[in-house]
């Protein structure tokens, strides 16, 4: 995914949105408990599900609090919203 508002070059890398999936099983969001058609599934062992609205709020809150986690392989990321523990990098969002 690349921002269409900013210039890019052939060397720029974009991340596939492979964690955003159709919610065919009707799993409720961990934030608002609504059942949405499209959700983000965290890569943690419990495969927690969060709707895109709650995920946007989670990202904005963590960004405002400067709580993104640096991972040497994937760069800055976020842990599963359920497993947010200081210093934990065991479940960060990245490529599958």
N, C-alpha and C. Protein backbone atom coordinates (compact mmCIF):
# COMPACT_ATOMS: atom_id res chain seq x y z
N UNK A 1 0.85 -1.17 0.00
CA UNK A 1 0.00 0.00 0.00
C UNK A 1 0.89 1.22 0.00
N UNK A 2 0.62 2.14 -0.89
CA UNK A 2 1.37 3.38 -0.95
C UNK A 2 0.41 4.55 -0.90
N UNK A 3 0.86 5.63 -0.32
CA UNK A 3 0.06 6.84 -0.27
C UNK A 3 0.07 7.48 -1.65
N UNK A 4 -1.09 7.74 -2.19
CA UNK A 4 -1.19 8.33 -3.52
C UNK A 4 -0.85 9.82 -3.51
N UNK A 5 -0.78 10.43 -2.34
CA UNK A 5 -0.51 11.87 -2.25
C UNK A 5 0.97 12.21 -2.30
N UNK A 6 1.82 11.22 -2.13
CA UNK A 6 3.25 11.48 -2.06
C UNK A 6 3.97 10.84 -3.25
N UNK A 7 4.98 11.53 -3.76
CA UNK A 7 5.73 10.96 -4.88
C UNK A 7 6.51 9.72 -4.44
N UNK A 8 6.59 8.76 -5.33
CA UNK A 8 7.34 7.54 -5.04
C UNK A 8 8.28 7.25 -6.20
N UNK A 9 9.21 6.35 -5.95
CA UNK A 9 10.14 5.94 -7.00
C UNK A 9 10.02 4.43 -7.19
N UNK A 10 10.70 3.93 -8.18
CA UNK A 10 10.68 2.48 -8.47
C UNK A 10 11.29 1.67 -7.32
N UNK A 11 12.14 2.29 -6.50
CA UNK A 11 12.81 1.58 -5.41
C UNK A 11 11.97 1.52 -4.14
N UNK A 12 10.87 2.26 -4.07
CA UNK A 12 10.02 2.26 -2.88
C UNK A 12 9.36 0.91 -2.70
N UNK A 13 9.21 0.52 -1.45
CA UNK A 13 8.60 -0.76 -1.11
C UNK A 13 7.22 -0.48 -0.53
N UNK A 14 6.26 -1.30 -0.90
CA UNK A 14 4.92 -1.18 -0.32
C UNK A 14 4.57 -2.49 0.38
N UNK A 15 3.70 -2.38 1.36
CA UNK A 15 3.31 -3.54 2.16
C UNK A 15 1.95 -4.03 1.70
N UNK A 16 1.85 -5.32 1.46
CA UNK A 16 0.56 -5.91 1.10
C UNK A 16 -0.33 -5.93 2.33
N UNK A 17 -1.60 -5.73 2.12
CA UNK A 17 -2.54 -5.72 3.23
C UNK A 17 -3.09 -7.12 3.45
N UNK A 18 -2.20 -8.06 3.69
CA UNK A 18 -2.60 -9.46 3.82
C UNK A 18 -3.24 -9.79 5.17
N UNK A 19 -3.26 -8.84 6.09
CA UNK A 19 -3.91 -9.07 7.38
C UNK A 19 -5.34 -8.56 7.39
N UNK A 20 -5.73 -7.85 6.34
CA UNK A 20 -7.11 -7.36 6.20
C UNK A 20 -7.88 -8.41 5.42
N UNK A 21 -8.89 -8.99 6.07
CA UNK A 21 -9.60 -10.13 5.49
C UNK A 21 -11.11 -9.96 5.60
N UNK A 22 -11.83 -10.74 4.80
CA UNK A 22 -13.28 -10.82 4.94
C UNK A 22 -13.60 -11.60 6.20
N UNK A 23 -14.56 -11.13 6.96
CA UNK A 23 -14.92 -11.77 8.21
C UNK A 23 -16.01 -12.82 7.95
N UNK A 24 -15.65 -13.87 7.26
CA UNK A 24 -16.62 -14.90 6.87
C UNK A 24 -17.14 -15.71 8.06
N UNK A 25 -16.42 -15.70 9.16
CA UNK A 25 -16.84 -16.45 10.35
C UNK A 25 -17.66 -15.62 11.32
N UNK A 26 -17.81 -14.34 11.02
CA UNK A 26 -18.61 -13.48 11.89
C UNK A 26 -18.01 -13.28 13.27
N UNK A 27 -16.70 -13.11 13.33
CA UNK A 27 -16.01 -12.92 14.61
C UNK A 27 -16.16 -11.46 15.05
N UNK A 28 -16.56 -11.22 16.31
CA UNK A 28 -16.73 -9.84 16.77
C UNK A 28 -15.38 -9.14 16.97
N UNK A 29 -15.39 -7.84 16.78
CA UNK A 29 -14.21 -6.99 16.99
C UNK A 29 -13.84 -6.99 18.47
N UNK A 30 -12.53 -7.04 18.77
CA UNK A 30 -12.08 -7.03 20.16
C UNK A 30 -12.27 -5.67 20.81
N UNK A 31 -12.49 -4.61 19.99
CA UNK A 31 -12.66 -3.28 20.54
C UNK A 31 -14.11 -2.91 20.79
N UNK A 32 -14.93 -3.03 19.77
CA UNK A 32 -16.32 -2.57 19.87
C UNK A 32 -17.34 -3.71 19.91
N UNK A 33 -16.91 -4.90 19.69
CA UNK A 33 -17.70 -6.14 19.66
C UNK A 33 -18.69 -6.21 18.50
N UNK A 34 -18.63 -5.25 17.57
CA UNK A 34 -19.46 -5.34 16.37
C UNK A 34 -18.92 -6.44 15.46
N UNK A 35 -19.78 -6.99 14.65
CA UNK A 35 -19.36 -7.97 13.64
C UNK A 35 -19.36 -7.23 12.31
N UNK A 36 -18.18 -7.03 11.76
CA UNK A 36 -18.02 -6.29 10.50
C UNK A 36 -17.63 -7.23 9.38
N UNK A 37 -17.90 -6.81 8.13
CA UNK A 37 -17.58 -7.64 6.97
C UNK A 37 -16.09 -7.74 6.70
N UNK A 38 -15.36 -6.66 6.95
CA UNK A 38 -13.92 -6.62 6.71
C UNK A 38 -13.22 -6.30 8.02
N UNK A 39 -12.21 -7.09 8.36
CA UNK A 39 -11.49 -6.93 9.62
C UNK A 39 -10.00 -7.11 9.41
N UNK A 40 -9.24 -6.73 10.42
CA UNK A 40 -7.82 -7.03 10.46
C UNK A 40 -7.63 -8.16 11.46
N UNK A 41 -6.86 -9.17 11.08
CA UNK A 41 -6.60 -10.31 11.95
C UNK A 41 -5.13 -10.22 12.39
N UNK A 42 -4.92 -10.06 13.69
CA UNK A 42 -3.55 -9.99 14.21
C UNK A 42 -2.86 -11.34 14.05
N UNK A 43 -1.54 -11.32 14.00
CA UNK A 43 -0.76 -12.53 13.80
C UNK A 43 -0.44 -13.26 15.09
N UNK A 44 -1.04 -12.87 16.18
CA UNK A 44 -0.80 -13.55 17.45
C UNK A 44 -1.39 -14.96 17.40
N UNK A 45 -1.02 -15.79 18.35
CA UNK A 45 -1.49 -17.18 18.36
C UNK A 45 -3.01 -17.28 18.50
N UNK A 46 -3.64 -16.27 19.10
CA UNK A 46 -5.10 -16.29 19.26
C UNK A 46 -5.83 -15.71 18.05
N UNK A 47 -5.08 -15.12 17.10
CA UNK A 47 -5.66 -14.54 15.88
C UNK A 47 -6.79 -13.55 16.20
N UNK A 48 -6.51 -12.61 17.11
CA UNK A 48 -7.51 -11.61 17.49
C UNK A 48 -7.96 -10.80 16.27
N UNK A 49 -9.23 -10.41 16.29
CA UNK A 49 -9.86 -9.70 15.17
C UNK A 49 -10.24 -8.30 15.63
N UNK A 50 -9.95 -7.31 14.79
CA UNK A 50 -10.32 -5.92 15.09
C UNK A 50 -10.90 -5.30 13.82
N UNK A 51 -11.98 -4.55 13.97
CA UNK A 51 -12.57 -3.89 12.79
C UNK A 51 -11.65 -2.75 12.36
N UNK A 52 -11.81 -2.30 11.14
CA UNK A 52 -10.92 -1.28 10.61
C UNK A 52 -11.08 0.07 11.31
N UNK A 53 -12.30 0.39 11.77
CA UNK A 53 -12.50 1.64 12.52
C UNK A 53 -11.73 1.60 13.85
N UNK A 54 -11.85 0.51 14.58
CA UNK A 54 -11.12 0.38 15.85
C UNK A 54 -9.62 0.30 15.61
N UNK A 55 -9.21 -0.35 14.54
CA UNK A 55 -7.78 -0.43 14.23
C UNK A 55 -7.23 0.95 13.92
N UNK A 56 -7.98 1.77 13.21
CA UNK A 56 -7.54 3.12 12.93
C UNK A 56 -7.36 3.91 14.23
N UNK A 57 -8.32 3.80 15.15
CA UNK A 57 -8.21 4.48 16.45
C UNK A 57 -7.03 3.94 17.25
N UNK A 58 -6.84 2.62 17.22
CA UNK A 58 -5.71 1.99 17.92
C UNK A 58 -4.39 2.54 17.37
N UNK A 59 -4.26 2.58 16.05
CA UNK A 59 -3.02 3.09 15.44
C UNK A 59 -2.79 4.54 15.80
N UNK A 60 -3.82 5.36 15.70
CA UNK A 60 -3.68 6.79 16.00
C UNK A 60 -3.30 7.01 17.46
N UNK A 61 -3.93 6.27 18.35
CA UNK A 61 -3.62 6.38 19.78
C UNK A 61 -2.18 5.98 20.06
N UNK A 62 -1.77 4.84 19.51
CA UNK A 62 -0.39 4.37 19.74
C UNK A 62 0.62 5.33 19.12
N UNK A 63 0.29 5.93 17.98
CA UNK A 63 1.18 6.90 17.35
C UNK A 63 1.28 8.15 18.23
N UNK A 64 0.15 8.65 18.70
CA UNK A 64 0.15 9.84 19.56
C UNK A 64 0.94 9.60 20.85
N UNK A 65 0.92 8.37 21.35
CA UNK A 65 1.64 8.02 22.57
C UNK A 65 3.07 7.56 22.29
N UNK A 66 3.45 7.59 21.02
CA UNK A 66 4.79 7.16 20.59
C UNK A 66 5.08 5.73 21.05
N UNK A 67 4.12 4.86 20.82
CA UNK A 67 4.20 3.48 21.29
C UNK A 67 4.40 2.46 20.17
N UNK A 68 4.79 2.90 18.97
CA UNK A 68 5.12 1.93 17.94
C UNK A 68 6.38 1.19 18.38
N UNK A 69 6.51 -0.05 17.97
CA UNK A 69 7.65 -0.89 18.35
C UNK A 69 8.56 -1.07 17.14
N UNK A 70 9.87 -0.95 17.36
CA UNK A 70 10.81 -1.16 16.27
C UNK A 70 11.21 -2.63 16.21
N UNK A 71 11.03 -3.22 15.04
CA UNK A 71 11.44 -4.59 14.77
C UNK A 71 12.53 -4.52 13.70
N UNK A 72 13.67 -5.17 13.93
CA UNK A 72 14.80 -5.09 13.01
C UNK A 72 14.48 -5.59 11.61
N UNK A 73 13.55 -6.50 11.49
CA UNK A 73 13.22 -7.07 10.18
C UNK A 73 12.18 -6.24 9.43
N UNK A 74 11.12 -5.83 10.11
CA UNK A 74 10.01 -5.15 9.42
C UNK A 74 9.93 -3.65 9.68
N UNK A 75 10.73 -3.13 10.58
CA UNK A 75 10.68 -1.70 10.90
C UNK A 75 9.69 -1.42 12.02
N UNK A 76 9.09 -0.24 12.01
CA UNK A 76 8.14 0.13 13.06
C UNK A 76 6.80 -0.56 12.84
N UNK A 77 6.23 -1.06 13.93
CA UNK A 77 4.99 -1.81 13.85
C UNK A 77 4.23 -1.69 15.17
N UNK A 78 3.15 -2.44 15.25
CA UNK A 78 2.32 -2.45 16.45
C UNK A 78 2.09 -3.88 16.91
N UNK A 79 2.01 -4.09 18.23
CA UNK A 79 1.66 -5.42 18.72
C UNK A 79 0.15 -5.62 18.64
N UNK A 80 -0.29 -6.83 18.84
CA UNK A 80 -1.71 -7.13 18.94
C UNK A 80 -2.31 -6.23 20.02
N UNK A 81 -3.48 -5.69 19.76
CA UNK A 81 -4.11 -4.76 20.70
C UNK A 81 -4.42 -5.42 22.05
N UNK A 82 -4.58 -6.73 22.08
CA UNK A 82 -4.85 -7.44 23.33
C UNK A 82 -3.57 -7.67 24.10
N UNK A 83 -2.50 -7.86 23.40
CA UNK A 83 -1.22 -8.22 24.03
C UNK A 83 -0.26 -7.04 24.13
N UNK A 84 -0.77 -5.89 24.45
CA UNK A 84 0.08 -4.71 24.58
C UNK A 84 0.73 -4.73 25.96
N UNK A 85 1.99 -5.13 25.98
CA UNK A 85 2.77 -5.10 27.21
C UNK A 85 4.07 -4.37 26.94
N UNK A 86 4.51 -3.53 27.85
CA UNK A 86 5.74 -2.75 27.63
C UNK A 86 6.92 -3.65 27.28
N UNK A 87 7.61 -3.31 26.20
CA UNK A 87 8.79 -4.04 25.80
C UNK A 87 8.52 -5.31 25.02
N UNK A 88 7.27 -5.69 24.85
CA UNK A 88 6.94 -6.92 24.14
C UNK A 88 6.97 -6.71 22.63
N UNK A 89 7.67 -7.59 21.93
CA UNK A 89 7.67 -7.55 20.46
C UNK A 89 7.28 -8.91 19.91
N UNK A 90 6.67 -9.75 20.74
CA UNK A 90 6.37 -11.11 20.32
C UNK A 90 5.24 -11.19 19.30
N UNK A 91 4.46 -10.16 19.16
CA UNK A 91 3.33 -10.20 18.22
C UNK A 91 3.21 -8.85 17.55
N UNK A 92 4.07 -8.58 16.58
CA UNK A 92 3.99 -7.32 15.86
C UNK A 92 3.41 -7.56 14.48
N UNK A 93 2.76 -6.54 13.94
CA UNK A 93 2.19 -6.65 12.61
C UNK A 93 3.30 -6.61 11.58
N UNK A 94 3.29 -7.54 10.67
CA UNK A 94 4.28 -7.59 9.61
C UNK A 94 3.74 -8.42 8.47
N UNK A 95 4.60 -8.79 7.58
CA UNK A 95 4.18 -9.61 6.45
C UNK A 95 4.12 -11.06 6.86
N UNK A 96 3.17 -11.78 6.30
CA UNK A 96 3.07 -13.22 6.58
C UNK A 96 4.14 -13.97 5.83
